[in-house]
Amino acid sequence: MKNGPIDSKNVGQRNEKLILSMLFEHKKLSQSQLCRLAGIGSSTASTIVARLREKGLITETPGQSKARGPKPVILRLNPDCRYTVGVEINPSHLFIGVFNFDGHLKDKISISLGYDHSLENVLDLLSVNVPGLLNRNKIENAKVIGAGITLSGSISPDGCVSLSSPLGWKEVHLKEHLQPFFDFPVSVYSNRVRLLSEFAISANLASKNILYLNLADGVGSTVYMDGNLVSGSTGRYGEIGHIVVEPDGPVCGCGQKGCLEALISGPALTNKIRNESDKMSSACFAETDSSNMPEEFLKQWFLAADNGDSYALALRDYVAGHFVRATCMLINCYDPEVIILAGYVGLHFHEHFTECIREAMQKNVYESSLRNIRIIPARAGEDALIAGVSIATRQRLLDWLAQ
């Protein structure tokens, strides 16, 4: 069998993507470091670096060395050569951020959605505010390599939102509706991309097997195994919020009764508190504005729990009971090394939830004594989703950049 001819163009493009990826990860490298990490020769590296420099994608600066001879040249990404836009759609706000080529947030805005979650309202707001943010920062459309949109829900590969319970959307072709407004590519992702922003803060996490649990406006999980985000055959993976735990419970946004999300998500807990005013042992929620969105409303609960209020503590333990049982099931399924607790509910109670998970593991996790699981809070903060979707957009568009 004869080997076919080597496609030098494709090899060159792969090497360009490889070097860009390494610079995204390491921020700066000398050419000799690039050769060692990429496993390529110095002449090949010189050719690739020259092409990337001509495209304006990297910069070169003199390095320092105590050794005699030529000083090393340090390669970095050119931060202002290209930009990405990251958009988070949640039930209360739109968050829009502009990131430069090396991943730093240049500017961001927040726009209130209120209770109008309609596609028309979202399209109107994005079509005005994305160009407005770019204009404010004097960024031309030609320098934008793409916009990434993220929201809680099941997203098909073609950018259709099959279901988003928090937004009340079903079969919404979001990418198809958004793309005509912009001169650059638009991609739509589930909120699993937030894990990428954790990697940007703690690079060593990318070598671990991770179970990421988000407890906020929805209840979801992200599984990262053997260096890959697990997505499933249809993208509907990790939907633990739609596990039915109380068959006669409240109706969930997905149409089922008694889903975990219908019981312990931020909106579900807000409704529960408002409906149980007669059970409260104090007036800790009496002055809370009933129009507040869940994340704001529940701050009163967090404060009351921290102050030892009996109703607030009982509600915390109610959430922990459901959340911990689901977590133990997922540990049995996926055998993670690290569990990351995220979301405004999960983060506030992360210490208590961590203790409850460890205690429950002894009874409910198979061979728990042989597992060494690290449980940590998410660290990426309020910009986690726009940062994560910006990283995902940049990674997807490496092919385009190397052409």
Protein backbone atom coordinates (compact mmCIF):
# COMPACT_ATOMS: atom_id res chain seq x y z
CA MET A 1 0.00 0.00 0.00
CA LYS A 2 1.44 3.35 -1.05
CA ASN A 3 1.29 6.39 1.15
CA GLY A 4 -0.48 9.38 -0.40
CA PRO A 5 1.26 12.71 -0.96
CA ILE A 6 1.63 14.98 2.07
CA ASP A 7 -0.77 17.93 1.98
CA SER A 8 1.66 20.65 3.07
CA LYS A 9 -1.09 23.28 3.31
CA ASN A 10 -3.12 21.21 5.77
CA VAL A 11 -0.01 20.33 7.76
CA GLY A 12 0.89 24.02 7.94
CA GLN A 13 -2.60 24.98 9.11
CA ARG A 14 -2.56 22.28 11.78
CA ASN A 15 0.78 23.55 13.03
CA GLU A 16 -0.50 27.13 13.10
CA LYS A 17 -3.49 26.05 15.18
CA LEU A 18 -1.20 24.07 17.45
CA ILE A 19 1.05 27.05 18.14
CA LEU A 20 -1.89 29.40 18.69
CA SER A 21 -3.43 26.89 21.11
CA MET A 22 -0.18 26.68 23.07
CA LEU A 23 0.05 30.45 23.28
CA PHE A 24 -3.56 30.61 24.50
CA GLU A 25 -2.58 28.18 27.25
CA HIS A 26 0.91 29.43 28.20
CA LYS A 27 0.50 33.15 27.34
CA LYS A 28 4.16 33.51 26.27
CA LEU A 29 6.79 31.12 24.93
CA SER A 30 10.20 31.29 23.30
CA GLN A 31 10.62 29.60 19.94
CA SER A 32 12.74 26.85 21.53
CA GLN A 33 9.97 26.19 24.06
CA LEU A 34 7.47 26.01 21.20
CA CYS A 35 9.61 23.46 19.38
CA ARG A 36 9.89 21.30 22.48
CA LEU A 37 6.18 21.43 23.35
CA ALA A 38 4.96 21.00 19.77
CA GLY A 39 7.56 18.44 18.75
CA ILE A 40 8.60 20.35 15.62
CA GLY A 41 11.97 21.47 14.29
CA SER A 42 13.33 25.00 14.55
CA SER A 43 13.08 25.68 10.80
CA THR A 44 9.43 24.56 10.74
CA ALA A 45 8.70 26.69 13.80
CA SER A 46 10.38 29.72 12.19
CA THR A 47 8.22 29.36 9.08
CA ILE A 48 4.99 29.07 11.09
CA VAL A 49 5.88 31.94 13.39
CA ALA A 50 6.61 34.14 10.37
CA ARG A 51 3.19 33.37 8.88
CA LEU A 52 1.40 34.10 12.14
CA ARG A 53 3.34 37.34 12.53
CA GLU A 54 2.42 38.42 8.98
CA LYS A 55 -1.25 37.77 9.81
CA GLY A 56 -0.86 40.01 12.86
CA LEU A 57 -1.84 37.23 15.26
CA ILE A 58 1.34 37.18 17.36
CA THR A 59 4.01 39.59 18.54
CA GLU A 60 7.73 39.10 19.22
CA THR A 61 9.77 40.80 21.92
CA PRO A 62 13.37 40.29 23.08
CA GLY A 63 13.74 37.97 26.05
CA GLN A 64 16.29 37.80 28.85
CA SER A 65 19.09 35.25 29.15
CA LYS A 66 22.31 35.02 31.18
CA ALA A 67 23.87 32.71 28.60
CA ARG A 68 26.15 33.98 25.86
CA GLY A 69 24.91 34.20 22.31
CA PRO A 70 21.63 35.37 20.80
CA LYS A 71 18.90 36.36 23.22
CA PRO A 72 15.62 34.40 23.00
CA VAL A 73 12.64 35.92 21.25
CA ILE A 74 9.42 35.76 23.29
CA LEU A 75 6.22 35.07 21.39
CA ARG A 76 2.84 36.28 22.59
CA LEU A 77 -0.63 36.57 21.13
CA ASN A 78 -1.37 40.01 19.72
CA PRO A 79 -4.19 41.00 22.10
CA ASP A 80 -5.88 43.56 19.87
CA CYS A 81 -5.70 41.73 16.55
CA ARG A 82 -9.06 40.00 17.00
CA TYR A 83 -11.96 40.00 19.44
CA THR A 84 -14.77 37.70 20.55
CA VAL A 85 -18.16 38.58 22.01
CA GLY A 86 -19.62 36.51 24.85
CA VAL A 87 -23.33 36.71 25.69
CA GLU A 88 -25.15 35.15 28.63
CA ILE A 89 -28.95 34.99 28.52
CA ASN A 90 -30.53 34.28 31.88
CA PRO A 91 -34.05 34.87 33.22
CA SER A 92 -33.22 38.28 34.68
CA HIS A 93 -30.49 39.82 32.52
CA LEU A 94 -28.43 39.78 29.37
CA PHE A 95 -24.71 40.01 30.03
CA ILE A 96 -22.52 40.99 27.07
CA GLY A 97 -18.72 41.04 27.16
CA VAL A 98 -16.01 41.83 24.62
CA PHE A 99 -12.79 39.83 24.98
CA ASN A 100 -9.52 40.47 23.23
CA PHE A 101 -7.50 37.78 21.48
CA ASP A 102 -5.65 36.63 24.59
CA GLY A 103 -8.88 36.22 26.53
CA HIS A 104 -8.97 39.34 28.68
CA LEU A 105 -12.32 41.03 29.25
CA LYS A 106 -12.14 44.46 27.62
CA ASP A 107 -15.62 45.73 28.46
CA LYS A 108 -19.05 44.42 29.49
CA ILE A 109 -22.62 45.56 29.96
CA SER A 110 -25.71 44.18 31.70
CA ILE A 111 -29.25 44.69 30.41
CA SER A 112 -32.33 43.84 32.46
CA LEU A 113 -34.84 41.43 30.91
CA GLY A 114 -37.33 41.73 33.71
CA TYR A 115 -40.08 39.20 33.12
CA ASP A 116 -40.10 39.54 29.33
CA HIS A 117 -38.22 36.41 28.20
CA SER A 118 -39.67 36.49 24.69
CA LEU A 119 -37.41 35.79 21.74
CA GLU A 120 -38.44 39.12 20.22
CA ASN A 121 -37.28 41.06 23.27
CA VAL A 122 -33.96 39.21 23.41
CA LEU A 123 -33.33 39.74 19.69
CA ASP A 124 -34.15 43.45 19.95
CA LEU A 125 -31.82 43.95 22.90
CA LEU A 126 -28.91 41.99 21.40
CA SER A 127 -29.19 43.58 17.95
CA VAL A 128 -28.79 47.02 19.53
CA ASN A 129 -26.44 46.39 22.45
CA VAL A 130 -23.82 44.13 20.85
CA PRO A 131 -22.99 46.73 18.13
CA GLY A 132 -23.25 49.45 20.77
CA LEU A 133 -20.62 47.78 22.96
CA LEU A 134 -18.31 47.26 19.98
CA ASN A 135 -18.71 50.89 18.90
CA ARG A 136 -18.01 52.08 22.45
CA ASN A 137 -14.68 50.28 22.28
CA LYS A 138 -13.95 51.35 18.68
CA ILE A 139 -13.86 47.73 17.46
CA GLU A 140 -14.65 47.11 13.80
CA ASN A 141 -16.79 44.12 12.83
CA ALA A 142 -13.94 42.82 10.68
CA LYS A 143 -11.88 42.24 13.82
CA VAL A 144 -14.59 40.20 15.56
CA ILE A 145 -14.03 36.49 14.96
CA GLY A 146 -17.37 35.47 16.42
CA ALA A 147 -20.04 35.83 19.07
CA GLY A 148 -20.92 33.03 21.45
CA ILE A 149 -24.33 32.91 23.09
CA THR A 150 -24.93 30.76 26.17
CA LEU A 151 -28.02 29.92 28.18
CA SER A 152 -29.38 27.18 30.40
CA GLY A 153 -31.01 24.47 28.31
CA SER A 154 -30.62 21.79 25.67
CA ILE A 155 -28.89 23.17 22.59
CA SER A 156 -28.65 21.31 19.29
CA PRO A 157 -25.46 21.53 17.16
CA ASP A 158 -27.20 23.91 14.73
CA GLY A 159 -27.95 26.43 17.48
CA CYS A 160 -31.56 25.53 18.19
CA VAL A 161 -32.71 25.78 21.82
CA SER A 162 -34.71 22.57 22.13
CA LEU A 163 -35.71 23.41 25.69
CA SER A 164 -34.78 26.08 28.22
CA SER A 165 -36.96 25.69 31.30
CA PRO A 166 -35.71 28.88 33.02
CA LEU A 167 -36.56 30.98 29.94
CA GLY A 168 -39.66 29.02 28.96
CA TRP A 169 -38.32 28.38 25.44
CA LYS A 170 -39.01 25.32 23.31
CA GLU A 171 -37.69 24.74 19.79
CA VAL A 172 -36.31 28.27 19.44
CA HIS A 173 -33.93 28.52 16.47
CA LEU A 174 -31.78 31.13 18.18
CA LYS A 175 -28.75 31.06 15.87
CA GLU A 176 -30.96 31.26 12.78
CA HIS A 177 -32.75 34.32 14.19
CA LEU A 178 -29.59 36.05 15.46
CA GLN A 179 -27.16 35.56 12.57
CA PRO A 180 -28.79 38.12 10.19
CA PHE A 181 -28.08 40.91 12.68
CA PHE A 182 -24.29 40.42 12.63
CA ASP A 183 -21.44 40.34 10.11
CA PHE A 184 -19.49 37.72 12.09
CA PRO A 185 -20.32 34.09 12.96
CA VAL A 186 -22.75 33.40 15.82
CA SER A 187 -22.64 30.18 17.85
CA VAL A 188 -25.00 28.99 20.59
CA TYR A 189 -23.89 26.88 23.57
CA SER A 190 -25.37 25.47 26.73
CA ASN A 191 -24.02 26.88 29.98
CA ARG A 192 -21.60 23.95 30.28
CA VAL A 193 -19.03 26.30 28.73
CA ARG A 194 -18.62 27.97 32.13
CA LEU A 195 -16.24 25.14 33.04
CA LEU A 196 -13.78 26.52 30.47
CA SER A 197 -13.48 29.70 32.52
CA GLU A 198 -12.47 27.60 35.54
CA PHE A 199 -9.66 26.10 33.47
CA ALA A 200 -8.49 29.61 32.57
CA ILE A 201 -8.05 30.29 36.31
CA SER A 202 -6.72 26.87 37.38
CA ALA A 203 -5.05 25.22 34.40
CA ASN A 204 -4.32 22.03 36.37
CA LEU A 205 -8.05 21.27 36.46
CA ALA A 206 -7.90 20.42 32.75
CA SER A 207 -6.00 17.23 33.66
CA LYS A 208 -8.67 16.07 36.13
CA ASN A 209 -11.96 14.20 35.79
CA ILE A 210 -14.53 16.74 36.91
CA LEU A 211 -18.18 16.82 37.95
CA TYR A 212 -19.40 20.43 37.82
CA LEU A 213 -22.73 21.05 39.58
CA ASN A 214 -24.67 24.25 39.04
CA LEU A 215 -27.54 25.21 41.35
CA ALA A 216 -29.02 28.53 40.30
CA ASP A 217 -31.90 29.44 37.95
CA GLY A 218 -31.69 25.83 36.78
CA VAL A 219 -30.09 22.66 38.12
CA GLY A 220 -27.49 21.12 35.86
CA SER A 221 -24.26 19.21 35.67
CA THR A 222 -21.23 19.21 33.42
CA VAL A 223 -18.97 16.18 33.16
CA TYR A 224 -15.39 16.54 31.98
CA MET A 225 -13.65 13.20 31.52
CA ASP A 226 -10.30 12.24 29.98
CA GLY A 227 -9.69 15.75 28.68
CA ASN A 228 -13.09 16.22 27.03
CA LEU A 229 -16.42 17.80 27.81
CA VAL A 230 -19.04 15.07 27.55
CA SER A 231 -22.00 16.14 25.41
CA GLY A 232 -23.94 12.98 24.56
CA SER A 233 -25.39 12.00 21.20
CA THR A 234 -27.86 14.89 21.01
CA GLY A 235 -26.33 17.50 23.33
CA ARG A 236 -28.91 16.80 26.03
CA TYR A 237 -26.39 15.63 28.56
CA GLY A 238 -26.16 16.30 32.29
CA GLU A 239 -29.78 17.40 32.69
CA ILE A 240 -29.99 16.34 36.33
CA GLY A 241 -32.53 19.09 36.92
CA HIS A 242 -35.06 16.99 35.03
CA ILE A 243 -34.70 13.86 37.13
CA VAL A 244 -38.12 13.28 38.68
CA VAL A 245 -37.73 13.00 42.45
CA GLU A 246 -41.33 13.70 43.55
CA PRO A 247 -43.81 12.34 40.98
CA ASP A 248 -46.67 14.34 42.53
CA GLY A 249 -44.57 17.47 42.93
CA PRO A 250 -44.87 20.85 41.19
CA VAL A 251 -44.88 21.12 37.41
CA CYS A 252 -41.47 21.84 35.90
CA GLY A 253 -40.83 24.03 32.87
CA CYS A 254 -40.14 20.85 30.89
CA GLY A 255 -43.72 19.66 31.48
CA GLN A 256 -42.95 16.88 33.96
CA LYS A 257 -43.97 16.92 37.60
CA GLY A 258 -41.55 16.87 40.51
CA CYS A 259 -38.27 17.47 38.69
CA LEU A 260 -35.29 18.42 40.83
CA GLU A 261 -35.31 21.81 39.09
CA ALA A 262 -38.95 22.37 40.05
CA LEU A 263 -38.00 21.81 43.70
CA ILE A 264 -34.61 23.39 44.42
CA SER A 265 -33.73 25.84 41.62
CA GLY A 266 -33.64 29.55 42.49
CA PRO A 267 -37.09 30.28 40.99
CA ALA A 268 -38.60 27.20 42.67
CA LEU A 269 -37.23 28.23 46.07
CA THR A 270 -38.45 31.80 45.57
CA ASN A 271 -41.98 30.50 44.95
CA LYS A 272 -41.74 28.14 47.92
CA ILE A 273 -40.76 30.96 50.28
CA ARG A 274 -43.53 33.22 49.02
CA ASN A 275 -46.08 30.44 49.49
CA GLU A 276 -44.91 29.53 52.99
CA SER A 277 -45.05 32.88 54.77
CA ASP A 278 -47.23 31.30 57.46
CA LYS A 279 -44.43 28.85 58.33
CA MET A 280 -41.74 31.46 58.89
CA SER A 281 -40.46 31.87 62.40
CA SER A 282 -39.47 35.48 61.82
CA ALA A 283 -40.17 38.40 59.53
CA CYS A 284 -36.89 37.92 57.67
CA PHE A 285 -38.60 38.05 54.26
CA ALA A 286 -41.29 40.57 55.09
CA GLU A 287 -39.58 43.57 53.52
CA THR A 288 -38.35 41.78 50.40
CA ASP A 289 -39.66 43.28 47.18
CA SER A 290 -41.91 40.64 45.63
CA SER A 291 -40.88 41.81 42.16
CA ASN A 292 -37.24 40.88 42.75
CA MET A 293 -35.76 38.18 40.54
CA PRO A 294 -34.69 34.96 42.36
CA GLU A 295 -31.00 35.79 42.71
CA GLU A 296 -31.83 39.05 44.49
CA PHE A 297 -34.81 37.71 46.43
CA LEU A 298 -32.87 34.76 47.87
CA LYS A 299 -30.19 37.00 49.37
CA GLN A 300 -32.64 37.48 52.26
CA TRP A 301 -32.73 33.71 52.73
CA PHE A 302 -28.94 33.48 52.69
CA LEU A 303 -28.69 36.23 55.31
CA ALA A 304 -31.36 34.65 57.50
CA ALA A 305 -29.65 31.25 57.33
CA ASP A 306 -26.31 32.82 58.24
CA ASN A 307 -28.03 34.41 61.25
CA GLY A 308 -29.47 31.08 62.40
CA ASP A 309 -33.15 31.60 61.49
CA SER A 310 -34.95 28.26 61.94
CA TYR A 311 -37.08 28.50 58.78
CA ALA A 312 -34.10 29.51 56.66
CA LEU A 313 -31.98 26.65 58.05
CA ALA A 314 -34.79 24.14 57.48
CA LEU A 315 -35.07 25.32 53.86
CA ARG A 316 -31.29 24.99 53.45
CA ASP A 317 -31.43 21.41 54.71
CA TYR A 318 -34.39 20.66 52.41
CA VAL A 319 -32.27 21.78 49.42
CA ALA A 320 -29.23 19.89 50.69
CA GLY A 321 -31.22 16.66 51.03
CA HIS A 322 -32.31 16.65 47.37
CA PHE A 323 -29.02 18.03 46.06
CA VAL A 324 -26.81 15.59 47.95
CA ARG A 325 -28.80 12.52 46.87
CA ALA A 326 -28.44 13.56 43.24
CA THR A 327 -24.72 14.22 43.74
CA CYS A 328 -24.13 10.74 45.20
CA MET A 329 -25.85 9.18 42.20
CA LEU A 330 -23.60 11.13 39.86
CA ILE A 331 -20.49 10.12 41.81
CA ASN A 332 -21.48 6.47 41.37
CA CYS A 333 -21.98 7.07 37.65
CA TYR A 334 -18.90 9.15 36.78
CA ASP A 335 -16.26 8.59 39.48
CA PRO A 336 -14.91 12.17 39.49
CA GLU A 337 -11.66 13.39 41.01
CA VAL A 338 -12.99 16.91 41.54
CA ILE A 339 -16.49 18.24 42.21
CA ILE A 340 -17.05 21.95 41.57
CA LEU A 341 -20.08 23.57 43.22
CA ALA A 342 -21.43 26.55 41.29
CA GLY A 343 -24.49 28.78 41.00
CA TYR A 344 -25.74 31.40 43.44
CA VAL A 345 -27.44 28.79 45.67
CA GLY A 346 -24.64 26.23 45.47
CA LEU A 347 -21.90 28.79 46.10
CA HIS A 348 -23.50 30.39 49.12
CA PHE A 349 -23.94 27.05 50.87
CA HIS A 350 -20.87 25.31 49.43
CA GLU A 351 -19.31 24.58 52.85
CA HIS A 352 -22.51 23.05 54.21
CA PHE A 353 -23.19 21.12 50.99
CA THR A 354 -19.61 19.83 51.00
CA GLU A 355 -20.01 18.45 54.53
CA CYS A 356 -23.34 16.86 53.61
CA ILE A 357 -21.90 15.27 50.45
CA ARG A 358 -18.97 13.76 52.34
CA GLU A 359 -21.26 12.39 55.05
CA ALA A 360 -23.73 10.97 52.52
CA MET A 361 -20.96 9.38 50.46
CA GLN A 362 -20.21 6.97 53.30
CA LYS A 363 -23.68 5.42 52.96
CA ASN A 364 -24.69 6.10 49.38
CA VAL A 365 -21.55 5.87 47.24
CA TYR A 366 -20.11 2.54 46.16
CA GLU A 367 -16.70 1.90 47.76
CA SER A 368 -16.52 5.47 49.01
CA SER A 369 -13.44 4.70 51.13
CA LEU A 370 -11.42 4.15 47.94
CA ARG A 371 -12.32 7.52 46.46
CA ASN A 372 -10.37 10.71 47.00
CA ILE A 373 -12.69 13.43 45.73
CA ARG A 374 -11.83 17.10 46.08
CA ILE A 375 -14.90 19.35 46.46
CA ILE A 376 -14.32 23.02 45.68
CA PRO A 377 -16.38 26.15 44.95
CA ALA A 378 -16.38 27.63 41.46
CA ARG A 379 -13.92 30.51 41.21
CA ALA A 380 -14.71 32.23 37.91
CA GLY A 381 -17.30 34.56 39.42
CA GLU A 382 -20.06 36.48 37.72
CA ASP A 383 -18.23 36.58 34.38
CA ALA A 384 -17.89 32.78 34.21
CA LEU A 385 -20.43 32.29 31.43
CA ILE A 386 -19.42 35.14 29.13
CA ALA A 387 -15.76 34.19 29.61
CA GLY A 388 -16.46 30.49 29.02
CA VAL A 389 -18.50 31.07 25.88
CA SER A 390 -15.83 33.45 24.57
CA ILE A 391 -13.21 30.71 25.02
CA ALA A 392 -15.46 28.18 23.28
CA THR A 393 -16.00 30.58 20.39
CA ARG A 394 -12.28 31.24 20.04
CA GLN A 395 -11.49 27.52 20.07
CA ARG A 396 -14.11 26.79 17.41
CA LEU A 397 -12.72 29.50 15.18
CA LEU A 398 -9.07 28.46 15.30
CA ASP A 399 -9.62 26.74 11.96
CA TRP A 400 -10.69 30.03 10.42
CA LEU A 401 -7.77 31.94 11.96
CA ALA A 402 -5.22 29.54 10.51
CA GLN A 403 -6.41 29.95 6.92
